[in-house]
């Protein structure tokens, strides 16, 4: 019984030690480099969501300032800045912040302070009306949003 307790304590200590070391890694990347680690799918042309916020995480040179801007279409069919966030990257080299998403297309532009690194993405926020229709099982087959008629395959 004593060996089992000792083994359990050592396992917990080893697990905590490994996870702390993995999280506390310092990023010493190239100056001006921004790497997105979460919140934006860099492989897609755009993303669709019903969420009204998105948390964007990434890595950059420690001490640098990351600027995240959300652009939306205005009344004149142009783009205007809906939100701007500035984040100072800490010693770890990681940053994280939440941005608001507006109904329609949200153009997210992430730059560093000197604007020598730039990342852009599009997130399309769908309306609550579309979400409600999907939850009720209504699917669009034309502009009239006719309900979907399920069938069974034997």
Protein backbone atom coordinates (compact mmCIF):
# COMPACT_ATOMS: atom_id res chain seq x y z
CA UNK A 1 0.00 0.00 0.00
CA UNK A 2 2.87 2.31 0.81
CA UNK A 3 4.45 1.77 -2.61
CA UNK A 4 1.18 2.66 -4.33
CA UNK A 5 0.93 5.95 -2.41
CA UNK A 6 4.55 6.81 -3.22
CA UNK A 7 4.01 5.97 -6.89
CA UNK A 8 0.85 8.13 -7.02
CA UNK A 9 2.62 11.10 -5.41
CA UNK A 10 5.59 10.81 -7.79
CA UNK A 11 3.24 10.56 -10.79
CA UNK A 12 1.35 13.71 -9.76
CA UNK A 13 4.58 15.62 -9.12
CA UNK A 14 6.06 14.54 -12.46
CA UNK A 15 2.86 15.50 -14.31
CA UNK A 16 2.80 18.95 -12.69
CA UNK A 17 6.48 19.49 -13.39
CA UNK A 18 6.18 18.57 -17.08
CA UNK A 19 3.06 20.70 -17.69
CA UNK A 20 4.60 23.77 -16.02
CA UNK A 21 7.76 23.48 -18.11
CA UNK A 22 5.79 23.12 -21.33
CA UNK A 23 3.65 26.19 -20.57
CA UNK A 24 6.49 28.39 -19.35
CA UNK A 25 8.54 28.04 -22.53
CA UNK A 26 9.90 31.37 -23.75
CA UNK A 27 9.40 32.23 -27.40
CA UNK A 28 12.45 33.91 -28.91
CA UNK A 29 11.16 34.20 -32.46
CA UNK A 30 12.32 36.54 -35.18
CA UNK A 31 11.53 40.24 -34.64
CA UNK A 32 8.25 41.22 -36.26
CA UNK A 33 7.00 37.65 -36.54
CA UNK A 34 3.43 36.95 -35.46
CA UNK A 35 2.16 33.40 -35.15
CA UNK A 36 -1.54 32.76 -34.49
CA UNK A 37 -2.03 29.74 -32.23
CA UNK A 38 -5.80 29.88 -31.74
CA UNK A 39 -9.03 31.69 -32.54
CA UNK A 40 -8.49 31.98 -36.28
CA UNK A 41 -8.24 29.08 -38.72
CA UNK A 42 -5.30 30.10 -40.88
CA UNK A 43 -6.01 27.28 -43.37
CA UNK A 44 -9.47 28.56 -44.38
CA UNK A 45 -10.43 31.42 -46.66
CA UNK A 46 -13.05 32.42 -44.07
CA UNK A 47 -14.91 31.02 -41.06
CA UNK A 48 -18.59 31.13 -40.14
CA UNK A 49 -19.91 31.39 -36.60
CA UNK A 50 -22.90 32.37 -34.49
CA UNK A 51 -20.63 33.55 -31.63
CA UNK A 52 -20.48 37.25 -30.79
CA UNK A 53 -16.85 37.12 -29.58
CA UNK A 54 -13.66 35.32 -30.53
CA UNK A 55 -10.53 34.83 -28.43
CA UNK A 56 -7.38 35.21 -30.50
CA UNK A 57 -4.13 33.77 -29.18
CA UNK A 58 -0.64 33.79 -30.60
CA UNK A 59 3.08 34.26 -30.20
CA UNK A 60 5.31 37.19 -31.05
CA UNK A 61 8.52 38.81 -29.94
CA UNK A 62 8.38 39.51 -26.21
CA UNK A 63 7.86 43.17 -25.41
CA UNK A 64 6.33 43.93 -28.82
CA UNK A 65 2.87 45.45 -29.20
CA UNK A 66 0.29 43.54 -31.23
CA UNK A 67 -2.61 45.49 -32.74
CA UNK A 68 -5.83 43.63 -33.60
CA UNK A 69 -8.45 45.53 -35.60
CA UNK A 70 -11.94 44.36 -36.53
CA UNK A 71 -13.32 45.97 -39.69
CA UNK A 72 -16.99 45.77 -40.72
CA UNK A 73 -18.89 47.04 -43.73
CA UNK A 74 -20.40 50.51 -43.19
CA UNK A 75 -23.47 52.15 -44.77
CA UNK A 76 -21.47 53.29 -47.82
CA UNK A 77 -20.28 49.71 -48.58
CA UNK A 78 -16.81 50.63 -47.34
CA UNK A 79 -14.96 49.21 -44.36
CA UNK A 80 -14.67 50.95 -41.03
CA UNK A 81 -12.89 49.97 -37.83
CA UNK A 82 -15.38 48.58 -35.31
CA UNK A 83 -12.84 47.65 -32.64
CA UNK A 84 -9.12 48.01 -31.97
CA UNK A 85 -7.13 46.10 -29.34
CA UNK A 86 -3.48 46.65 -28.44
CA UNK A 87 -1.72 43.91 -26.51
CA UNK A 88 1.81 44.08 -25.14
CA UNK A 89 3.44 40.68 -25.45
CA UNK A 90 4.80 39.46 -22.14
CA UNK A 91 8.00 37.67 -21.23
CA UNK A 92 6.61 34.31 -22.38
CA UNK A 93 6.09 35.60 -25.92
CA UNK A 94 2.40 34.71 -25.89
CA UNK A 95 -0.62 37.00 -26.23
CA UNK A 96 -4.37 36.51 -25.95
CA UNK A 97 -7.40 38.77 -26.23
CA UNK A 98 -11.10 38.60 -27.08
CA UNK A 99 -12.62 40.67 -29.87
CA UNK A 100 -16.27 41.36 -30.61
CA UNK A 101 -17.79 39.95 -33.79
CA UNK A 102 -20.55 41.79 -35.61
CA UNK A 103 -23.28 40.30 -37.77
CA UNK A 104 -22.00 39.89 -41.31
CA UNK A 105 -18.38 39.82 -42.43
CA UNK A 106 -15.70 40.71 -39.88
CA UNK A 107 -12.28 41.44 -41.33
CA UNK A 108 -9.66 40.78 -38.67
CA UNK A 109 -6.26 42.42 -39.22
CA UNK A 110 -3.41 41.63 -36.85
CA UNK A 111 -0.20 43.66 -37.06
CA UNK A 112 2.79 44.38 -34.91
CA UNK A 113 3.73 47.87 -33.79
CA UNK A 114 5.94 48.62 -36.81
CA UNK A 115 3.47 46.98 -39.20
CA UNK A 116 6.19 44.84 -40.75
CA UNK A 117 4.16 41.71 -39.93
CA UNK A 118 0.50 41.42 -40.90
CA UNK A 119 -2.12 38.68 -40.71
CA UNK A 120 -5.64 39.03 -42.10
CA UNK A 121 -8.68 36.78 -41.77
CA UNK A 122 -12.43 36.90 -42.40
CA UNK A 123 -14.99 35.64 -39.90
CA UNK A 124 -18.63 35.67 -41.01
CA UNK A 125 -21.02 35.96 -38.09
CA UNK A 126 -24.45 34.57 -38.94
CA UNK A 127 -27.66 36.06 -37.56
CA UNK A 128 -29.61 34.66 -34.64
CA UNK A 129 -32.56 34.18 -37.03
CA UNK A 130 -30.56 31.69 -39.10
CA UNK A 131 -29.45 29.91 -35.92
CA UNK A 132 -33.06 29.63 -34.73
CA UNK A 133 -34.20 28.22 -38.10
CA UNK A 134 -31.44 25.62 -38.06
CA UNK A 135 -32.30 24.62 -34.50
CA UNK A 136 -35.94 24.13 -35.56
CA UNK A 137 -34.79 21.89 -38.42
CA UNK A 138 -35.53 24.33 -41.24
CA UNK A 139 -32.95 24.30 -44.02
CA UNK A 140 -32.73 26.64 -46.97
CA UNK A 141 -33.51 25.16 -50.37
CA UNK A 142 -34.47 28.52 -51.87
CA UNK A 143 -35.07 32.10 -50.82
CA UNK A 144 -38.36 31.16 -49.18
CA UNK A 145 -36.49 29.01 -46.63
CA UNK A 146 -38.72 25.97 -47.25
CA UNK A 147 -38.52 23.36 -44.49
CA UNK A 148 -36.34 20.34 -45.11
CA UNK A 149 -38.32 17.11 -45.63
CA UNK A 150 -36.31 14.24 -44.19
CA UNK A 151 -36.33 10.82 -45.81
CA UNK A 152 -35.05 7.47 -44.65
CA UNK A 153 -32.64 5.19 -46.39
CA UNK A 154 -33.32 1.49 -45.90
